[in-house]
Amino acid sequence: MQLIPMNLGPLNPDVAELAVATVLFGAVFLLVGRFLPRINSVLEERATLLDGVTGGPAAAIRREAERVRAEHETLLSEARREAARVRQAAREEGAALIAEAREDGLRERAEIVVTGQARVEAERVEAEAELRGCVSEVASELASRIVGEPIPVPAANAGLLTGSQGRAADDGADGAPTGSGC
């Protein structure tokens, strides 16, 4: 059966098909109506998020946060530069202290070397003077041993030994020295 008694082709539906379509439309409408509030809340949340990115109160908070972040980054970069300056100053001060300590060490070393050389020279001169006084006595004693007869110490050196060393040559009855500690 047709809804309109004329032949309109596909524009003239059957009543049975129209009744089934109406029932199905109502069922779909009820189902969609049930999920529509959830869909609307999701769409509203999406709109809020988009407003936060593009404008609205969230955008103002975001701009403020970015400004504060930029200030913090500026402060951090200044602090890093200051720390680098302090490190550089400490390095320079340390290098200056090391150089000063090295100079002091070199100066002390030079003083010690000069003092040591002077002491060695003084001891060498003293030893040489002591040995010069004893040389003739020792030579005379060695010659006596080799020859087998006592050889007297020359008189010129005997006076040196007595005067310079504070010791007198002890001559025995035969005129040979008996030892003076050389």
Protein backbone atom coordinates (compact mmCIF):
# COMPACT_ATOMS: atom_id res chain seq x y z
CA MET A 1 0.00 0.00 0.00
CA GLN A 2 1.19 3.45 -0.87
CA LEU A 3 0.85 6.60 1.15
CA ILE A 4 -0.27 8.76 -1.82
CA PRO A 5 -2.56 7.12 -4.43
CA MET A 6 -0.52 8.51 -7.34
CA ASN A 7 2.55 7.00 -8.99
CA LEU A 8 5.43 9.17 -7.77
CA GLY A 9 8.16 6.55 -7.99
CA PRO A 10 10.62 6.42 -5.14
CA LEU A 11 9.04 9.51 -3.57
CA ASN A 12 5.94 7.57 -2.63
CA PRO A 13 6.96 5.12 0.17
CA ASP A 14 5.02 2.12 1.39
CA VAL A 15 3.23 2.58 4.70
CA ALA A 16 4.83 -0.56 6.16
CA GLU A 17 8.33 0.69 5.27
CA LEU A 18 7.47 4.12 6.65
CA ALA A 19 6.29 2.59 9.96
CA VAL A 20 9.50 0.52 10.30
CA ALA A 21 11.62 3.58 9.44
CA THR A 22 9.80 5.68 12.06
CA VAL A 23 10.32 3.04 14.80
CA LEU A 24 14.00 2.71 13.89
CA PHE A 25 14.43 6.48 13.81
CA GLY A 26 12.89 6.77 17.32
CA ALA A 27 15.20 4.04 18.65
CA VAL A 28 18.30 5.71 17.19
CA PHE A 29 17.12 9.09 18.47
CA LEU A 30 16.75 7.72 22.01
CA LEU A 31 20.18 6.10 21.92
CA VAL A 32 21.84 9.22 20.57
CA GLY A 33 19.93 11.35 23.10
CA ARG A 34 21.31 9.20 25.86
CA PHE A 35 24.95 9.64 24.68
CA LEU A 36 24.53 13.25 23.60
CA PRO A 37 25.21 14.80 27.07
CA ARG A 38 28.48 12.87 27.25
CA ILE A 39 29.40 13.95 23.76
CA ASN A 40 28.50 17.54 24.63
CA SER A 41 30.67 17.49 27.76
CA VAL A 42 33.62 16.15 25.74
CA LEU A 43 33.07 18.85 23.12
CA GLU A 44 32.89 21.54 25.82
CA GLU A 45 36.11 20.24 27.42
CA ARG A 46 37.77 20.30 24.02
CA ALA A 47 36.59 23.87 23.46
CA THR A 48 37.98 24.87 26.88
CA LEU A 49 41.35 23.35 26.06
CA LEU A 50 41.41 25.09 22.73
CA ASP A 51 40.50 28.37 24.41
CA GLY A 52 43.40 27.81 26.83
CA VAL A 53 45.81 27.48 23.95
CA THR A 54 44.44 30.28 21.83
CA GLY A 55 42.97 32.65 24.42
CA GLY A 56 40.82 32.92 27.52
CA PRO A 57 41.80 32.70 31.19
CA ALA A 58 44.11 29.70 30.71
CA ALA A 59 46.03 31.62 28.08
CA ALA A 60 46.56 34.50 30.52
CA ILE A 61 47.91 32.05 33.11
CA ARG A 62 50.13 30.47 30.48
CA ARG A 63 51.50 33.88 29.43
CA GLU A 64 52.22 34.73 33.09
CA ALA A 65 53.97 31.38 33.57
CA GLU A 66 56.09 31.98 30.46
CA ARG A 67 57.02 35.46 31.71
CA VAL A 68 58.05 34.06 35.12
CA ARG A 69 60.00 31.30 33.37
CA ALA A 70 61.81 33.87 31.23
CA GLU A 71 62.71 35.86 34.37
CA HIS A 72 64.05 32.71 36.04
CA GLU A 73 66.10 31.84 32.97
CA THR A 74 67.51 35.37 32.94
CA LEU A 75 68.42 35.11 36.62
CA LEU A 76 69.99 31.69 36.07
CA SER A 77 72.06 32.92 33.14
CA GLU A 78 73.26 35.90 35.18
CA ALA A 79 74.14 33.58 38.07
CA ARG A 80 76.05 31.30 35.68
CA ARG A 81 77.98 34.27 34.30
CA GLU A 82 78.78 35.45 37.83
CA ALA A 83 79.92 31.95 38.80
CA ALA A 84 82.15 31.84 35.71
CA ARG A 85 83.65 35.21 36.68
CA VAL A 86 84.27 34.00 40.23
CA ARG A 87 85.90 30.80 38.93
CA GLN A 88 88.10 32.79 36.57
CA ALA A 89 89.10 35.20 39.36
CA ALA A 90 89.90 32.24 41.63
CA ARG A 91 92.02 30.64 38.88
CA GLU A 92 93.93 33.88 38.34
CA GLU A 93 94.41 34.36 42.08
CA GLY A 94 95.56 30.76 42.43
CA ALA A 95 97.99 31.16 39.55
CA ALA A 96 99.36 34.34 41.15
CA LEU A 97 99.76 32.59 44.51
CA ILE A 98 101.51 29.66 42.83
CA ALA A 99 103.84 32.00 40.97
CA GLU A 100 104.59 33.91 44.19
CA ALA A 101 105.24 30.67 46.08
CA ARG A 102 107.49 29.47 43.26
CA GLU A 103 109.46 32.74 43.38
CA ASP A 104 109.79 32.46 47.17
CA GLY A 105 110.94 28.87 46.81
CA LEU A 106 113.49 29.79 44.16
CA ARG A 107 114.76 32.68 46.30
CA GLU A 108 115.07 30.43 49.37
CA ARG A 109 116.78 27.77 47.28
CA ALA A 110 119.26 30.34 45.98
CA GLU A 111 119.94 31.54 49.53
CA ILE A 112 120.46 27.97 50.75
CA VAL A 113 122.76 27.20 47.81
CA VAL A 114 124.81 30.37 48.43
CA THR A 115 125.01 29.65 52.18
CA GLY A 116 125.96 26.04 51.48
CA GLN A 117 128.62 27.02 48.99
CA ALA A 118 130.05 29.55 51.46
CA ARG A 119 130.08 26.93 54.21
CA VAL A 120 131.71 24.36 51.92
CA GLU A 121 134.33 26.92 50.85
CA ALA A 122 135.04 27.85 54.48
CA GLU A 123 135.37 24.20 55.47
CA ARG A 124 137.60 23.57 52.44
CA VAL A 125 139.87 26.48 53.38
CA GLU A 126 139.98 25.28 57.00
CA ALA A 127 140.75 21.71 55.95
CA GLU A 128 143.40 22.92 53.51
CA ALA A 129 145.07 25.02 56.21
CA GLU A 130 144.99 22.11 58.62
CA LEU A 131 146.39 19.74 56.00
CA ARG A 132 149.14 22.16 54.95
CA GLY A 133 150.39 22.17 58.50
CA CYS A 134 150.38 18.41 58.70
CA VAL A 135 151.79 17.66 55.24
CA SER A 136 155.47 18.11 56.15
CA GLU A 137 155.05 16.15 59.36
CA VAL A 138 153.27 13.28 57.58
CA ALA A 139 155.79 13.35 54.73
CA SER A 140 158.63 13.25 57.22
CA GLU A 141 157.06 10.32 59.07
CA LEU A 142 156.45 8.40 55.82
CA ALA A 143 159.97 9.05 54.66
CA SER A 144 161.23 7.75 58.03
CA ARG A 145 159.30 4.54 57.56
CA ILE A 146 160.55 4.05 54.01
CA VAL A 147 164.17 4.82 54.79
CA GLY A 148 164.12 3.13 58.12
CA GLU A 149 165.85 6.02 59.89
CA PRO A 150 164.17 8.90 61.67
CA ILE A 151 163.95 12.05 59.55
CA PRO A 152 163.36 15.27 61.51
CA VAL A 153 160.55 17.67 60.57
CA PRO A 154 161.97 20.75 58.87
CA ALA A 155 162.31 23.68 61.26
CA ALA A 156 160.38 26.04 59.03
CA ASN A 157 157.27 23.85 59.23
CA ALA A 158 157.75 23.05 62.91
CA GLY A 159 157.17 26.74 63.73
CA LEU A 160 154.07 26.75 61.57
CA LEU A 161 152.68 23.79 63.42
CA THR A 162 153.28 25.37 66.80
CA GLY A 163 151.98 28.81 65.84
CA SER A 164 149.05 27.98 63.62
CA GLN A 165 147.72 24.85 65.25
CA GLY A 166 148.48 25.63 68.87
CA ARG A 167 150.48 22.43 69.20
CA ALA A 168 154.18 22.05 69.80
CA ALA A 169 156.17 19.45 67.97
CA ASP A 170 157.30 16.92 70.48
CA ASP A 171 160.87 16.05 69.58
CA GLY A 172 162.38 13.07 71.30
CA ALA A 173 166.05 12.47 72.19
CA ASP A 174 166.85 11.50 68.63
CA GLY A 175 165.12 14.59 67.20
CA ALA A 176 162.33 12.60 65.47
CA PRO A 177 158.78 13.71 65.92
CA THR A 178 156.75 11.45 68.12
CA GLY A 179 153.43 12.50 66.62
CA SER A 180 151.47 15.68 66.74
CA GLY A 181 147.99 14.42 65.93
CA CYS A 182 148.05 14.91 62.15
